[in-house]
Amino acid sequence: MAKKSNNSSVGAVSVGVAAAAATAAAAYWLYGAKNAAKHRKLARSWMFKARAEVLEAVEKLGDIDKQTYLDIVDKVVKRYSSVSGATSAELMQMAKDLKAAWQHMQSSKTAKKVKKTVKKAVKKVS
């Protein structure tokens, strides 16, 4: 009998982790950041669409590095520079916030890895 390849499940897990990290970054921006109340007031529909595009690109690529993430943010922000009603100050602030979310995404990823490691260690001890 042929064995099933685990490549598809590994890819799915990578996409899931990337999606969770991006979602965590968006939630942090709206609810956990120091200026979260101000962020929620400033949020407009085109901003949500831009964030969704960044999320989609991150999910599509899976496991990415910081430079790739920053390039994705720059491309999306550039696309939204022609949106009517979007001021350059809003675009610059959104780009700054999205770029700052990279650090939060990494810390959330690290926390998940630590949690899994702790669970495995507890099972071995038991």
C-alpha atoms as a PDB file:
ATOM      1  CA  MET A   1       0.000   0.000   0.000  1.00  0.00           C
ATOM      2  CA  ALA A   2       1.163   3.511  -0.737  1.00  0.00           C
ATOM      3  CA  LYS A   3       1.674   5.863   2.144  1.00  0.00           C
ATOM      4  CA  LYS A   4      -0.071   9.224   2.174  1.00  0.00           C
ATOM      5  CA  SER A   5       2.190  12.232   2.017  1.00  0.00           C
ATOM      6  CA  ASN A   6       2.132  14.642   4.937  1.00  0.00           C
ATOM      7  CA  ASN A   7       3.065  17.583   2.700  1.00  0.00           C
ATOM      8  CA  SER A   8      -0.529  18.715   2.299  1.00  0.00           C
ATOM      9  CA  SER A   9      -1.165  18.658   6.035  1.00  0.00           C
ATOM     10  CA  VAL A  10       2.078  20.551   6.706  1.00  0.00           C
ATOM     11  CA  GLY A  11       1.049  23.203   4.180  1.00  0.00           C
ATOM     12  CA  ALA A  12      -2.391  23.468   5.719  1.00  0.00           C
ATOM     13  CA  VAL A  13      -0.901  23.911   9.171  1.00  0.00           C
ATOM     14  CA  SER A  14       1.445  26.634   7.870  1.00  0.00           C
ATOM     15  CA  VAL A  15      -1.460  28.490   6.294  1.00  0.00           C
ATOM     16  CA  GLY A  16      -3.495  28.108   9.465  1.00  0.00           C
ATOM     17  CA  VAL A  17      -0.700  29.487  11.637  1.00  0.00           C
ATOM     18  CA  ALA A  18      -0.190  32.422   9.262  1.00  0.00           C
ATOM     19  CA  ALA A  19      -3.917  33.154   9.248  1.00  0.00           C
ATOM     20  CA  ALA A  20      -4.077  33.011  13.024  1.00  0.00           C
ATOM     21  CA  ALA A  21      -1.099  35.347  13.336  1.00  0.00           C
ATOM     22  CA  ALA A  22      -2.567  37.857  10.896  1.00  0.00           C
ATOM     23  CA  THR A  23      -5.934  37.722  12.626  1.00  0.00           C
ATOM     24  CA  ALA A  24      -4.216  38.248  15.953  1.00  0.00           C
ATOM     25  CA  ALA A  25      -2.440  41.300  14.539  1.00  0.00           C
ATOM     26  CA  ALA A  26      -5.721  42.785  13.308  1.00  0.00           C
ATOM     27  CA  ALA A  27      -7.440  42.102  16.619  1.00  0.00           C
ATOM     28  CA  TYR A  28      -4.506  43.615  18.482  1.00  0.00           C
ATOM     29  CA  TRP A  29      -4.667  46.756  16.342  1.00  0.00           C
ATOM     30  CA  LEU A  30      -8.388  47.211  17.032  1.00  0.00           C
ATOM     31  CA  TYR A  31      -8.569  46.106  20.668  1.00  0.00           C
ATOM     32  CA  GLY A  32      -5.180  45.530  22.306  1.00  0.00           C
ATOM     33  CA  ALA A  33      -2.965  48.380  21.194  1.00  0.00           C
ATOM     34  CA  LYS A  34      -2.278  51.415  23.338  1.00  0.00           C
ATOM     35  CA  ASN A  35      -4.435  53.587  21.041  1.00  0.00           C
ATOM     36  CA  ALA A  36      -7.050  50.927  20.221  1.00  0.00           C
ATOM     37  CA  ALA A  37     -10.060  53.203  20.831  1.00  0.00           C
ATOM     38  CA  LYS A  38      -8.577  55.759  18.469  1.00  0.00           C
ATOM     39  CA  HIS A  39      -7.889  53.023  15.898  1.00  0.00           C
ATOM     40  CA  ARG A  40     -11.496  51.858  15.971  1.00  0.00           C
ATOM     41  CA  LYS A  41     -12.736  55.414  15.397  1.00  0.00           C
ATOM     42  CA  LEU A  42     -10.368  55.859  12.467  1.00  0.00           C
ATOM     43  CA  ALA A  43     -11.168  52.552  10.819  1.00  0.00           C
ATOM     44  CA  ARG A  44     -12.907  52.937   7.488  1.00  0.00           C
ATOM     45  CA  SER A  45     -14.150  50.321   5.086  1.00  0.00           C
ATOM     46  CA  TRP A  46     -11.190  50.709   2.725  1.00  0.00           C
ATOM     47  CA  MET A  47      -8.869  50.188   5.675  1.00  0.00           C
ATOM     48  CA  PHE A  48     -10.547  46.890   6.489  1.00  0.00           C
ATOM     49  CA  LYS A  49     -10.278  45.857   2.847  1.00  0.00           C
ATOM     50  CA  ALA A  50      -6.578  46.731   2.812  1.00  0.00           C
ATOM     51  CA  ARG A  51      -5.965  44.751   5.995  1.00  0.00           C
ATOM     52  CA  ALA A  52      -7.884  41.834   4.497  1.00  0.00           C
ATOM     53  CA  GLU A  53      -5.639  41.959   1.427  1.00  0.00           C
ATOM     54  CA  VAL A  54      -2.547  41.854   3.613  1.00  0.00           C
ATOM     55  CA  LEU A  55      -4.040  38.909   5.519  1.00  0.00           C
ATOM     56  CA  GLU A  56      -4.865  37.096   2.281  1.00  0.00           C
ATOM     57  CA  ALA A  57      -1.352  37.599   0.915  1.00  0.00           C
ATOM     58  CA  VAL A  58       0.182  36.327   4.162  1.00  0.00           C
ATOM     59  CA  GLU A  59      -2.086  33.263   4.122  1.00  0.00           C
ATOM     60  CA  LYS A  60      -1.233  32.580   0.490  1.00  0.00           C
ATOM     61  CA  LEU A  61       2.514  32.640   1.138  1.00  0.00           C
ATOM     62  CA  GLY A  62       2.358  30.742   4.419  1.00  0.00           C
ATOM     63  CA  ASP A  63       5.543  31.065   6.462  1.00  0.00           C
ATOM     64  CA  ILE A  64       7.140  34.420   5.595  1.00  0.00           C
ATOM     65  CA  ASP A  65       9.951  36.582   6.873  1.00  0.00           C
ATOM     66  CA  LYS A  66       9.796  40.202   8.012  1.00  0.00           C
ATOM     67  CA  GLN A  67      10.994  41.726   4.725  1.00  0.00           C
ATOM     68  CA  THR A  68       8.386  39.836   2.709  1.00  0.00           C
ATOM     69  CA  TYR A  69       5.676  41.000   5.101  1.00  0.00           C
ATOM     70  CA  LEU A  70       6.824  44.622   4.853  1.00  0.00           C
ATOM     71  CA  ASP A  71       6.847  44.373   1.041  1.00  0.00           C
ATOM     72  CA  ILE A  72       3.272  43.055   1.086  1.00  0.00           C
ATOM     73  CA  VAL A  73       2.179  45.972   3.285  1.00  0.00           C
ATOM     74  CA  ASP A  74       3.899  48.502   0.998  1.00  0.00           C
ATOM     75  CA  LYS A  75       2.224  47.069  -2.122  1.00  0.00           C
ATOM     76  CA  VAL A  76      -1.228  47.089  -0.561  1.00  0.00           C
ATOM     77  CA  VAL A  77      -0.854  50.623   0.807  1.00  0.00           C
ATOM     78  CA  LYS A  78       0.349  51.816  -2.601  1.00  0.00           C
ATOM     79  CA  ARG A  79      -2.762  50.316  -4.224  1.00  0.00           C
ATOM     80  CA  TYR A  80      -5.019  52.166  -1.785  1.00  0.00           C
ATOM     81  CA  SER A  81      -3.318  55.529  -2.302  1.00  0.00           C
ATOM     82  CA  SER A  82      -5.749  56.261  -5.144  1.00  0.00           C
ATOM     83  CA  VAL A  83      -8.897  55.512  -3.114  1.00  0.00           C
ATOM     84  CA  SER A  84     -11.114  58.547  -2.830  1.00  0.00           C
ATOM     85  CA  GLY A  85     -11.417  59.717   0.741  1.00  0.00           C
ATOM     86  CA  ALA A  86      -8.073  58.257   1.769  1.00  0.00           C
ATOM     87  CA  THR A  87      -5.702  60.933   2.959  1.00  0.00           C
ATOM     88  CA  SER A  88      -1.949  60.502   2.877  1.00  0.00           C
ATOM     89  CA  ALA A  89      -1.860  60.810   6.673  1.00  0.00           C
ATOM     90  CA  GLU A  90      -4.336  57.921   7.023  1.00  0.00           C
ATOM     91  CA  LEU A  91      -2.350  55.806   4.590  1.00  0.00           C
ATOM     92  CA  MET A  92       0.903  56.508   6.397  1.00  0.00           C
ATOM     93  CA  GLN A  93      -0.670  55.674   9.768  1.00  0.00           C
ATOM     94  CA  MET A  94      -2.186  52.456   8.451  1.00  0.00           C
ATOM     95  CA  ALA A  95       1.147  51.402   6.931  1.00  0.00           C
ATOM     96  CA  LYS A  96       2.927  52.195  10.205  1.00  0.00           C
ATOM     97  CA  ASP A  97       0.401  50.157  12.205  1.00  0.00           C
ATOM     98  CA  LEU A  98       0.488  47.199   9.829  1.00  0.00           C
ATOM     99  CA  LYS A  99       4.274  47.160   9.862  1.00  0.00           C
ATOM    100  CA  ALA A 100       4.336  47.355  13.650  1.00  0.00           C
ATOM    101  CA  ALA A 101       1.992  44.349  13.768  1.00  0.00           C
ATOM    102  CA  TRP A 102       4.853  42.125  12.562  1.00  0.00           C
ATOM    103  CA  GLN A 103       6.371  42.078  16.048  1.00  0.00           C
ATOM    104  CA  HIS A 104       3.023  41.168  17.599  1.00  0.00           C
ATOM    105  CA  MET A 105       2.494  38.407  15.028  1.00  0.00           C
ATOM    106  CA  GLN A 106       5.876  36.917  15.882  1.00  0.00           C
ATOM    107  CA  SER A 107       5.240  37.010  19.621  1.00  0.00           C
ATOM    108  CA  SER A 108       1.883  35.281  19.148  1.00  0.00           C
ATOM    109  CA  LYS A 109       3.533  32.613  16.983  1.00  0.00           C
ATOM    110  CA  THR A 110       6.222  32.051  19.627  1.00  0.00           C
ATOM    111  CA  ALA A 111       3.607  31.787  22.372  1.00  0.00           C
ATOM    112  CA  LYS A 112       1.783  29.038  20.450  1.00  0.00           C
ATOM    113  CA  LYS A 113       5.023  27.075  19.969  1.00  0.00           C
ATOM    114  CA  VAL A 114       5.859  27.367  23.678  1.00  0.00           C
ATOM    115  CA  LYS A 115       2.352  26.238  24.623  1.00  0.00           C
ATOM    116  CA  LYS A 116       2.656  23.124  22.421  1.00  0.00           C
ATOM    117  CA  THR A 117       6.098  22.323  23.847  1.00  0.00           C
ATOM    118  CA  VAL A 118       4.810  22.649  27.412  1.00  0.00           C
ATOM    119  CA  LYS A 119       1.859  20.345  26.664  1.00  0.00           C
ATOM    120  CA  LYS A 120       4.211  17.700  25.217  1.00  0.00           C
ATOM    121  CA  ALA A 121       6.487  17.941  28.257  1.00  0.00           C
ATOM    122  CA  VAL A 122       3.535  17.549  30.620  1.00  0.00           C
ATOM    123  CA  LYS A 123       2.346  14.457  28.733  1.00  0.00           C
ATOM    124  CA  LYS A 124       5.811  12.899  28.957  1.00  0.00           C
ATOM    125  CA  VAL A 125       6.011  13.539  32.706  1.00  0.00           C
ATOM    126  CA  SER A 126       2.548  12.119  33.351  1.00  0.00           C
END
